[in-house]
Amino acid sequence: MPVAGDLTSMSLPDVMQWLGQARKT
């Protein structure tokens, strides 16, 4: 299921860090 949000509530660094640490594809 897609994960969606707004960069004012979840910053770009937080999003990218989550994707990197979770080893997402």
mmCIF file of all heavy atoms, coordinates in Angstrom:
data_MODEL
# 
_entry.id   MODEL 
# 
loop_
_atom_site.group_PDB 
_atom_site.id 
_atom_site.type_symbol 
_atom_site.label_atom_id 
_atom_site.label_alt_id 
_atom_site.label_comp_id 
_atom_site.label_asym_id 
_atom_site.label_entity_id 
_atom_site.label_seq_id 
_atom_site.pdbx_PDB_ins_code 
_atom_site.Cartn_x 
_atom_site.Cartn_y 
_atom_site.Cartn_z 
_atom_site.occupancy 
_atom_site.B_iso_or_equiv 
_atom_site.pdbx_formal_charge 
_atom_site.auth_seq_id 
_atom_site.auth_comp_id 
_atom_site.auth_asym_id 
_atom_site.auth_atom_id 
_atom_site.pdbx_PDB_model_num 
ATOM 1   N N   . MET A 1 1  ? 0.858  -1.201 0.000  1.00 0.00 ? 1  MET A N   1 
ATOM 2   C CA  . MET A 1 1  ? 0.000  0.000  0.000  1.00 0.00 ? 1  MET A CA  1 
ATOM 3   C C   . MET A 1 1  ? 0.890  1.245  0.000  1.00 0.00 ? 1  MET A C   1 
ATOM 4   O O   . MET A 1 1  ? 1.847  1.332  0.771  1.00 0.00 ? 1  MET A O   1 
ATOM 5   C CB  . MET A 1 1  ? -0.907 0.000  1.239  1.00 0.00 ? 1  MET A CB  1 
ATOM 6   C CG  . MET A 1 1  ? -1.869 1.176  1.303  1.00 0.00 ? 1  MET A CG  1 
ATOM 7   S SD  . MET A 1 1  ? -2.978 1.056  2.721  1.00 0.00 ? 1  MET A SD  1 
ATOM 8   C CE  . MET A 1 1  ? -3.903 2.568  2.521  1.00 0.00 ? 1  MET A CE  1 
ATOM 9   N N   . PRO A 1 2  ? 0.632  2.237  -0.883 1.00 0.00 ? 2  PRO A N   1 
ATOM 10  C CA  . PRO A 1 2  ? 1.467  3.431  -0.926 1.00 0.00 ? 2  PRO A CA  1 
ATOM 11  C C   . PRO A 1 2  ? 1.458  4.193  0.396  1.00 0.00 ? 2  PRO A C   1 
ATOM 12  O O   . PRO A 1 2  ? 0.458  4.208  1.124  1.00 0.00 ? 2  PRO A O   1 
ATOM 13  C CB  . PRO A 1 2  ? 0.827  4.256  -2.043 1.00 0.00 ? 2  PRO A CB  1 
ATOM 14  C CG  . PRO A 1 2  ? 0.055  3.284  -2.865 1.00 0.00 ? 2  PRO A CG  1 
ATOM 15  C CD  . PRO A 1 2  ? -0.425 2.241  -1.908 1.00 0.00 ? 2  PRO A CD  1 
ATOM 16  N N   . VAL A 1 3  ? 2.575  4.843  0.692  1.00 0.00 ? 3  VAL A N   1 
ATOM 17  C CA  . VAL A 1 3  ? 2.706  5.702  1.859  1.00 0.00 ? 3  VAL A CA  1 
ATOM 18  C C   . VAL A 1 3  ? 2.773  7.137  1.351  1.00 0.00 ? 3  VAL A C   1 
ATOM 19  O O   . VAL A 1 3  ? 3.616  7.466  0.516  1.00 0.00 ? 3  VAL A O   1 
ATOM 20  C CB  . VAL A 1 3  ? 3.971  5.367  2.663  1.00 0.00 ? 3  VAL A CB  1 
ATOM 21  C CG1 . VAL A 1 3  ? 4.120  6.316  3.845  1.00 0.00 ? 3  VAL A CG1 1 
ATOM 22  C CG2 . VAL A 1 3  ? 3.944  3.918  3.133  1.00 0.00 ? 3  VAL A CG2 1 
ATOM 23  N N   . ALA A 1 4  ? 1.858  7.997  1.824  1.00 0.00 ? 4  ALA A N   1 
ATOM 24  C CA  . ALA A 1 4  ? 1.770  9.371  1.323  1.00 0.00 ? 4  ALA A CA  1 
ATOM 25  C C   . ALA A 1 4  ? 1.812  10.339 2.488  1.00 0.00 ? 4  ALA A C   1 
ATOM 26  O O   . ALA A 1 4  ? 1.503  10.003 3.629  1.00 0.00 ? 4  ALA A O   1 
ATOM 27  C CB  . ALA A 1 4  ? 0.489  9.557  0.508  1.00 0.00 ? 4  ALA A CB  1 
ATOM 28  N N   . GLY A 1 5  ? 2.202  11.572 2.169  1.00 0.00 ? 5  GLY A N   1 
ATOM 29  C CA  . GLY A 1 5  ? 2.245  12.582 3.223  1.00 0.00 ? 5  GLY A CA  1 
ATOM 30  C C   . GLY A 1 5  ? 2.620  13.940 2.672  1.00 0.00 ? 5  GLY A C   1 
ATOM 31  O O   . GLY A 1 5  ? 2.705  14.150 1.461  1.00 0.00 ? 5  GLY A O   1 
ATOM 32  N N   . ASP A 1 6  ? 2.862  14.858 3.583  1.00 0.00 ? 6  ASP A N   1 
ATOM 33  C CA  . ASP A 1 6  ? 3.198  16.234 3.260  1.00 0.00 ? 6  ASP A CA  1 
ATOM 34  C C   . ASP A 1 6  ? 4.575  16.536 3.837  1.00 0.00 ? 6  ASP A C   1 
ATOM 35  O O   . ASP A 1 6  ? 4.860  16.185 4.985  1.00 0.00 ? 6  ASP A O   1 
ATOM 36  C CB  . ASP A 1 6  ? 2.141  17.173 3.866  1.00 0.00 ? 6  ASP A CB  1 
ATOM 37  C CG  . ASP A 1 6  ? 2.265  18.596 3.348  1.00 0.00 ? 6  ASP A CG  1 
ATOM 38  O OD1 . ASP A 1 6  ? 3.303  19.220 3.620  1.00 0.00 ? 6  ASP A OD1 1 
ATOM 39  O OD2 . ASP A 1 6  ? 1.330  19.066 2.691  1.00 0.00 ? 6  ASP A OD2 1 
ATOM 40  N N   . LEU A 1 7  ? 5.432  17.206 3.052  1.00 0.00 ? 7  LEU A N   1 
ATOM 41  C CA  . LEU A 1 7  ? 6.795  17.470 3.501  1.00 0.00 ? 7  LEU A CA  1 
ATOM 42  C C   . LEU A 1 7  ? 6.858  18.485 4.630  1.00 0.00 ? 7  LEU A C   1 
ATOM 43  O O   . LEU A 1 7  ? 7.910  18.629 5.260  1.00 0.00 ? 7  LEU A O   1 
ATOM 44  C CB  . LEU A 1 7  ? 7.646  17.957 2.321  1.00 0.00 ? 7  LEU A CB  1 
ATOM 45  C CG  . LEU A 1 7  ? 7.917  16.927 1.218  1.00 0.00 ? 7  LEU A CG  1 
ATOM 46  C CD1 . LEU A 1 7  ? 8.722  17.546 0.097  1.00 0.00 ? 7  LEU A CD1 1 
ATOM 47  C CD2 . LEU A 1 7  ? 8.633  15.711 1.784  1.00 0.00 ? 7  LEU A CD2 1 
ATOM 48  N N   . THR A 1 8  ? 5.770  19.190 4.903  1.00 0.00 ? 8  THR A N   1 
ATOM 49  C CA  . THR A 1 8  ? 5.775  20.096 6.047  1.00 0.00 ? 8  THR A CA  1 
ATOM 50  C C   . THR A 1 8  ? 5.543  19.352 7.353  1.00 0.00 ? 8  THR A C   1 
ATOM 51  O O   . THR A 1 8  ? 5.890  19.835 8.424  1.00 0.00 ? 8  THR A O   1 
ATOM 52  C CB  . THR A 1 8  ? 4.693  21.180 5.884  1.00 0.00 ? 8  THR A CB  1 
ATOM 53  O OG1 . THR A 1 8  ? 3.415  20.543 5.711  1.00 0.00 ? 8  THR A OG1 1 
ATOM 54  C CG2 . THR A 1 8  ? 4.991  22.057 4.692  1.00 0.00 ? 8  THR A CG2 1 
ATOM 55  N N   . SER A 1 9  ? 4.968  18.156 7.277  1.00 0.00 ? 9  SER A N   1 
ATOM 56  C CA  . SER A 1 9  ? 4.744  17.352 8.483  1.00 0.00 ? 9  SER A CA  1 
ATOM 57  C C   . SER A 1 9  ? 5.763  16.229 8.622  1.00 0.00 ? 9  SER A C   1 
ATOM 58  O O   . SER A 1 9  ? 6.084  15.811 9.726  1.00 0.00 ? 9  SER A O   1 
ATOM 59  C CB  . SER A 1 9  ? 3.325  16.767 8.487  1.00 0.00 ? 9  SER A CB  1 
ATOM 60  O OG  . SER A 1 9  ? 3.102  16.004 7.309  1.00 0.00 ? 9  SER A OG  1 
ATOM 61  N N   . MET A 1 10 ? 6.270  15.720 7.506  1.00 0.00 ? 10 MET A N   1 
ATOM 62  C CA  . MET A 1 10 ? 7.336  14.713 7.516  1.00 0.00 ? 10 MET A CA  1 
ATOM 63  C C   . MET A 1 10 ? 8.378  15.173 6.510  1.00 0.00 ? 10 MET A C   1 
ATOM 64  O O   . MET A 1 10 ? 8.134  15.176 5.309  1.00 0.00 ? 10 MET A O   1 
ATOM 65  C CB  . MET A 1 10 ? 6.798  13.334 7.144  1.00 0.00 ? 10 MET A CB  1 
ATOM 66  C CG  . MET A 1 10 ? 7.824  12.232 7.272  1.00 0.00 ? 10 MET A CG  1 
ATOM 67  S SD  . MET A 1 10 ? 7.099  10.594 6.962  1.00 0.00 ? 10 MET A SD  1 
ATOM 68  C CE  . MET A 1 10 ? 8.520  9.531  7.318  1.00 0.00 ? 10 MET A CE  1 
ATOM 69  N N   . SER A 1 11 ? 9.527  15.600 6.995  1.00 0.00 ? 11 SER A N   1 
ATOM 70  C CA  . SER A 1 11 ? 10.514 16.232 6.134  1.00 0.00 ? 11 SER A CA  1 
ATOM 71  C C   . SER A 1 11 ? 11.126 15.237 5.160  1.00 0.00 ? 11 SER A C   1 
ATOM 72  O O   . SER A 1 11 ? 11.111 14.023 5.374  1.00 0.00 ? 11 SER A O   1 
ATOM 73  C CB  . SER A 1 11 ? 11.623 16.865 6.975  1.00 0.00 ? 11 SER A CB  1 
ATOM 74  O OG  . SER A 1 11 ? 12.408 15.847 7.593  1.00 0.00 ? 11 SER A OG  1 
ATOM 75  N N   . LEU A 1 12 ? 11.690 15.771 4.082  1.00 0.00 ? 12 LEU A N   1 
ATOM 76  C CA  . LEU A 1 12 ? 12.347 14.929 3.083  1.00 0.00 ? 12 LEU A CA  1 
ATOM 77  C C   . LEU A 1 12 ? 13.472 14.099 3.698  1.00 0.00 ? 12 LEU A C   1 
ATOM 78  O O   . LEU A 1 12 ? 13.571 12.890 3.415  1.00 0.00 ? 12 LEU A O   1 
ATOM 79  C CB  . LEU A 1 12 ? 12.878 15.793 1.939  1.00 0.00 ? 12 LEU A CB  1 
ATOM 80  C CG  . LEU A 1 12 ? 13.669 15.054 0.864  1.00 0.00 ? 12 LEU A CG  1 
ATOM 81  C CD1 . LEU A 1 12 ? 12.793 14.056 0.124  1.00 0.00 ? 12 LEU A CD1 1 
ATOM 82  C CD2 . LEU A 1 12 ? 14.298 16.049 -0.111 1.00 0.00 ? 12 LEU A CD2 1 
ATOM 83  N N   . PRO A 1 13 ? 14.355 14.656 4.547  1.00 0.00 ? 13 PRO A N   1 
ATOM 84  C CA  . PRO A 1 13 ? 15.384 13.811 5.163  1.00 0.00 ? 13 PRO A CA  1 
ATOM 85  C C   . PRO A 1 13 ? 14.799 12.658 5.969  1.00 0.00 ? 13 PRO A C   1 
ATOM 86  O O   . PRO A 1 13 ? 15.338 11.541 5.931  1.00 0.00 ? 13 PRO A O   1 
ATOM 87  C CB  . PRO A 1 13 ? 16.152 14.793 6.070  1.00 0.00 ? 13 PRO A CB  1 
ATOM 88  C CG  . PRO A 1 13 ? 15.967 16.121 5.409  1.00 0.00 ? 13 PRO A CG  1 
ATOM 89  C CD  . PRO A 1 13 ? 14.580 16.098 4.852  1.00 0.00 ? 13 PRO A CD  1 
ATOM 90  N N   . ASP A 1 14 ? 13.687 12.903 6.675  1.00 0.00 ? 14 ASP A N   1 
ATOM 91  C CA  . ASP A 1 14 ? 13.065 11.821 7.439  1.00 0.00 ? 14 ASP A CA  1 
ATOM 92  C C   . ASP A 1 14 ? 12.543 10.724 6.516  1.00 0.00 ? 14 ASP A C   1 
ATOM 93  O O   . ASP A 1 14 ? 12.694 9.532  6.795  1.00 0.00 ? 14 ASP A O   1 
ATOM 94  C CB  . ASP A 1 14 ? 11.916 12.367 8.293  1.00 0.00 ? 14 ASP A CB  1 
ATOM 95  C CG  . ASP A 1 14 ? 12.410 13.218 9.455  1.00 0.00 ? 14 ASP A CG  1 
ATOM 96  O OD1 . ASP A 1 14 ? 13.591 13.079 9.814  1.00 0.00 ? 14 ASP A OD1 1 
ATOM 97  O OD2 . ASP A 1 14 ? 11.611 14.015 9.980  1.00 0.00 ? 14 ASP A OD2 1 
ATOM 98  N N   . VAL A 1 15 ? 11.919 11.132 5.398  1.00 0.00 ? 15 VAL A N   1 
ATOM 99  C CA  . VAL A 1 15 ? 11.385 10.148 4.447  1.00 0.00 ? 15 VAL A CA  1 
ATOM 100 C C   . VAL A 1 15 ? 12.517 9.318  3.864  1.00 0.00 ? 15 VAL A C   1 
ATOM 101 O O   . VAL A 1 15 ? 12.454 8.081  3.821  1.00 0.00 ? 15 VAL A O   1 
ATOM 102 C CB  . VAL A 1 15 ? 10.599 10.863 3.319  1.00 0.00 ? 15 VAL A CB  1 
ATOM 103 C CG1 . VAL A 1 15 ? 10.158 9.861  2.259  1.00 0.00 ? 15 VAL A CG1 1 
ATOM 104 C CG2 . VAL A 1 15 ? 9.392  11.599 3.882  1.00 0.00 ? 15 VAL A CG2 1 
ATOM 105 N N   . MET A 1 16 ? 13.587 9.992  3.421  1.00 0.00 ? 16 MET A N   1 
ATOM 106 C CA  . MET A 1 16 ? 14.683 9.278  2.775  1.00 0.00 ? 16 MET A CA  1 
ATOM 107 C C   . MET A 1 16 ? 15.431 8.396  3.769  1.00 0.00 ? 16 MET A C   1 
ATOM 108 O O   . MET A 1 16 ? 15.878 7.289  3.431  1.00 0.00 ? 16 MET A O   1 
ATOM 109 C CB  . MET A 1 16 ? 15.623 10.274 2.104  1.00 0.00 ? 16 MET A CB  1 
ATOM 110 C CG  . MET A 1 16 ? 14.966 11.053 0.983  1.00 0.00 ? 16 MET A CG  1 
ATOM 111 S SD  . MET A 1 16 ? 16.085 12.143 0.075  1.00 0.00 ? 16 MET A SD  1 
ATOM 112 C CE  . MET A 1 16 ? 16.987 10.950 -0.887 1.00 0.00 ? 16 MET A CE  1 
ATOM 113 N N   . GLN A 1 17 ? 15.578 8.864  4.996  1.00 0.00 ? 17 GLN A N   1 
ATOM 114 C CA  . GLN A 1 17 ? 16.260 8.046  6.009  1.00 0.00 ? 17 GLN A CA  1 
ATOM 115 C C   . GLN A 1 17 ? 15.468 6.771  6.284  1.00 0.00 ? 17 GLN A C   1 
ATOM 116 O O   . GLN A 1 17 ? 16.052 5.680  6.416  1.00 0.00 ? 17 GLN A O   1 
ATOM 117 C CB  . GLN A 1 17 ? 16.424 8.859  7.287  1.00 0.00 ? 17 GLN A CB  1 
ATOM 118 C CG  . GLN A 1 17 ? 17.295 8.157  8.344  1.00 0.00 ? 17 GLN A CG  1 
ATOM 119 C CD  . GLN A 1 17 ? 17.608 9.080  9.494  1.00 0.00 ? 17 GLN A CD  1 
ATOM 120 O OE1 . GLN A 1 17 ? 16.744 9.826  9.963  1.00 0.00 ? 17 GLN A OE1 1 
ATOM 121 N NE2 . GLN A 1 17 ? 18.840 9.054  9.957  1.00 0.00 ? 17 GLN A NE2 1 
ATOM 122 N N   . TRP A 1 18 ? 14.155 6.872  6.342  1.00 0.00 ? 18 TRP A N   1 
ATOM 123 C CA  . TRP A 1 18 ? 13.314 5.693  6.554  1.00 0.00 ? 18 TRP A CA  1 
ATOM 124 C C   . TRP A 1 18 ? 13.473 4.706  5.399  1.00 0.00 ? 18 TRP A C   1 
ATOM 125 O O   . TRP A 1 18 ? 13.632 3.492  5.616  1.00 0.00 ? 18 TRP A O   1 
ATOM 126 C CB  . TRP A 1 18 ? 11.849 6.122  6.694  1.00 0.00 ? 18 TRP A CB  1 
ATOM 127 C CG  . TRP A 1 18 ? 10.885 4.986  6.589  1.00 0.00 ? 18 TRP A CG  1 
ATOM 128 C CD1 . TRP A 1 18 ? 10.769 3.923  7.443  1.00 0.00 ? 18 TRP A CD1 1 
ATOM 129 C CD2 . TRP A 1 18 ? 9.920  4.781  5.549  1.00 0.00 ? 18 TRP A CD2 1 
ATOM 130 N NE1 . TRP A 1 18 ? 9.780  3.071  7.002  1.00 0.00 ? 18 TRP A NE1 1 
ATOM 131 C CE2 . TRP A 1 18 ? 9.244  3.572  5.845  1.00 0.00 ? 18 TRP A CE2 1 
ATOM 132 C CE3 . TRP A 1 18 ? 9.542  5.494  4.422  1.00 0.00 ? 18 TRP A CE3 1 
ATOM 133 C CZ2 . TRP A 1 18 ? 8.226  3.065  5.038  1.00 0.00 ? 18 TRP A CZ2 1 
ATOM 134 C CZ3 . TRP A 1 18 ? 8.530  5.008  3.628  1.00 0.00 ? 18 TRP A CZ3 1 
ATOM 135 C CH2 . TRP A 1 18 ? 7.888  3.806  3.930  1.00 0.00 ? 18 TRP A CH2 1 
ATOM 136 N N   . LEU A 1 19 ? 13.472 5.219  4.168  1.00 0.00 ? 19 LEU A N   1 
ATOM 137 C CA  . LEU A 1 19 ? 13.598 4.342  3.007  1.00 0.00 ? 19 LEU A CA  1 
ATOM 138 C C   . LEU A 1 19 ? 14.963 3.657  2.980  1.00 0.00 ? 19 LEU A C   1 
ATOM 139 O O   . LEU A 1 19 ? 15.071 2.478  2.618  1.00 0.00 ? 19 LEU A O   1 
ATOM 140 C CB  . LEU A 1 19 ? 13.403 5.149  1.716  1.00 0.00 ? 19 LEU A CB  1 
ATOM 141 C CG  . LEU A 1 19 ? 12.000 5.736  1.509  1.00 0.00 ? 19 LEU A CG  1 
ATOM 142 C CD1 . LEU A 1 19 ? 11.986 6.668  0.306  1.00 0.00 ? 19 LEU A CD1 1 
ATOM 143 C CD2 . LEU A 1 19 ? 10.969 4.635  1.329  1.00 0.00 ? 19 LEU A CD2 1 
ATOM 144 N N   . GLY A 1 20 ? 15.996 4.397  3.388  1.00 0.00 ? 20 GLY A N   1 
ATOM 145 C CA  . GLY A 1 20 ? 17.326 3.807  3.393  1.00 0.00 ? 20 GLY A CA  1 
ATOM 146 C C   . GLY A 1 20 ? 17.493 2.765  4.481  1.00 0.00 ? 20 GLY A C   1 
ATOM 147 O O   . GLY A 1 20 ? 17.998 1.659  4.237  1.00 0.00 ? 20 GLY A O   1 
ATOM 148 N N   . GLN A 1 21 ? 17.072 3.090  5.683  1.00 0.00 ? 21 GLN A N   1 
ATOM 149 C CA  . GLN A 1 21 ? 17.240 2.165  6.807  1.00 0.00 ? 21 GLN A CA  1 
ATOM 150 C C   . GLN A 1 21 ? 16.387 0.911  6.641  1.00 0.00 ? 21 GLN A C   1 
ATOM 151 O O   . GLN A 1 21 ? 16.811 -0.186 7.034  1.00 0.00 ? 21 GLN A O   1 
ATOM 152 C CB  . GLN A 1 21 ? 16.896 2.877  8.108  1.00 0.00 ? 21 GLN A CB  1 
ATOM 153 C CG  . GLN A 1 21 ? 17.912 3.936  8.513  1.00 0.00 ? 21 GLN A CG  1 
ATOM 154 C CD  . GLN A 1 21 ? 17.538 4.654  9.791  1.00 0.00 ? 21 GLN A CD  1 
ATOM 155 O OE1 . GLN A 1 21 ? 16.396 4.577  10.271 1.00 0.00 ? 21 GLN A OE1 1 
ATOM 156 N NE2 . GLN A 1 21 ? 18.489 5.393  10.353 1.00 0.00 ? 21 GLN A NE2 1 
ATOM 157 N N   . ALA A 1 22 ? 15.199 1.060  6.046  1.00 0.00 ? 22 ALA A N   1 
ATOM 158 C CA  . ALA A 1 22 ? 14.325 -0.093 5.828  1.00 0.00 ? 22 ALA A CA  1 
ATOM 159 C C   . ALA A 1 22 ? 14.688 -0.864 4.553  1.00 0.00 ? 22 ALA A C   1 
ATOM 160 O O   . ALA A 1 22 ? 14.033 -1.859 4.235  1.00 0.00 ? 22 ALA A O   1 
ATOM 161 C CB  . ALA A 1 22 ? 12.866 0.367  5.757  1.00 0.00 ? 22 ALA A CB  1 
ATOM 162 N N   . ARG A 1 23 ? 15.724 -0.402 3.842  1.00 0.00 ? 23 ARG A N   1 
ATOM 163 C CA  . ARG A 1 23 ? 16.195 -1.040 2.607  1.00 0.00 ? 23 ARG A CA  1 
ATOM 164 C C   . ARG A 1 23 ? 15.038 -1.249 1.624  1.00 0.00 ? 23 ARG A C   1 
ATOM 165 O O   . ARG A 1 23 ? 14.839 -2.333 1.066  1.00 0.00 ? 23 ARG A O   1 
ATOM 166 C CB  . ARG A 1 23 ? 16.902 -2.368 2.917  1.00 0.00 ? 23 ARG A CB  1 
ATOM 167 C CG  . ARG A 1 23 ? 18.156 -2.195 3.765  1.00 0.00 ? 23 ARG A CG  1 
ATOM 168 C CD  . ARG A 1 23 ? 18.794 -3.544 4.099  1.00 0.00 ? 23 ARG A CD  1 
ATOM 169 N NE  . ARG A 1 23 ? 19.189 -4.252 2.884  1.00 0.00 ? 23 ARG A NE  1 
ATOM 170 C CZ  . ARG A 1 23 ? 20.339 -4.038 2.247  1.00 0.00 ? 23 ARG A CZ  1 
ATOM 171 N NH1 . ARG A 1 23 ? 21.184 -3.114 2.688  1.00 0.00 ? 23 ARG A NH1 1 
ATOM 172 N NH2 . ARG A 1 23 ? 20.639 -4.736 1.174  1.00 0.00 ? 23 ARG A NH2 1 
ATOM 173 N N   . LYS A 1 24 ? 14.276 -0.185 1.419  1.00 0.00 ? 24 LYS A N   1 
ATOM 174 C CA  . LYS A 1 24 ? 13.097 -0.260 0.570  1.00 0.00 ? 24 LYS A CA  1 
ATOM 175 C C   . LYS A 1 24 ? 13.467 -0.271 -0.919 1.00 0.00 ? 24 LYS A C   1 
ATOM 176 O O   . LYS A 1 24 ? 14.476 0.296  -1.341 1.00 0.00 ? 24 LYS A O   1 
ATOM 177 C CB  . LYS A 1 24 ? 12.178 0.931  0.847  1.00 0.00 ? 24 LYS A CB  1 
ATOM 178 C CG  . LYS A 1 24 ? 11.510 0.921  2.220  1.00 0.00 ? 24 LYS A CG  1 
ATOM 179 C CD  . LYS A 1 24 ? 10.425 -0.145 2.285  1.00 0.00 ? 24 LYS A CD  1 
ATOM 180 C CE  . LYS A 1 24 ? 9.619  -0.047 3.567  1.00 0.00 ? 24 LYS A CE  1 
ATOM 181 N NZ  . LYS A 1 24 ? 8.530  -1.053 3.617  1.00 0.00 ? 24 LYS A NZ  1 
ATOM 182 N N   . THR A 1 25 ? 12.613 -0.906 -1.705 1.00 0.00 ? 25 THR A N   1 
ATOM 183 C CA  . THR A 1 25 ? 12.695 -0.879 -3.160 1.00 0.00 ? 25 THR A CA  1 
ATOM 184 C C   . THR A 1 25 ? 11.378 -0.319 -3.684 1.00 0.00 ? 25 THR A C   1 
ATOM 185 O O   . THR A 1 25 ? 10.306 -0.809 -3.317 1.00 0.00 ? 25 THR A O   1 
ATOM 186 C CB  . THR A 1 25 ? 12.927 -2.289 -3.736 1.00 0.00 ? 25 THR A CB  1 
ATOM 187 O OG1 . THR A 1 25 ? 14.199 -2.773 -3.303 1.00 0.00 ? 25 THR A OG1 1 
ATOM 188 C CG2 . THR A 1 25 ? 12.888 -2.261 -5.260 1.00 0.00 ? 25 THR A CG2 1 
# 
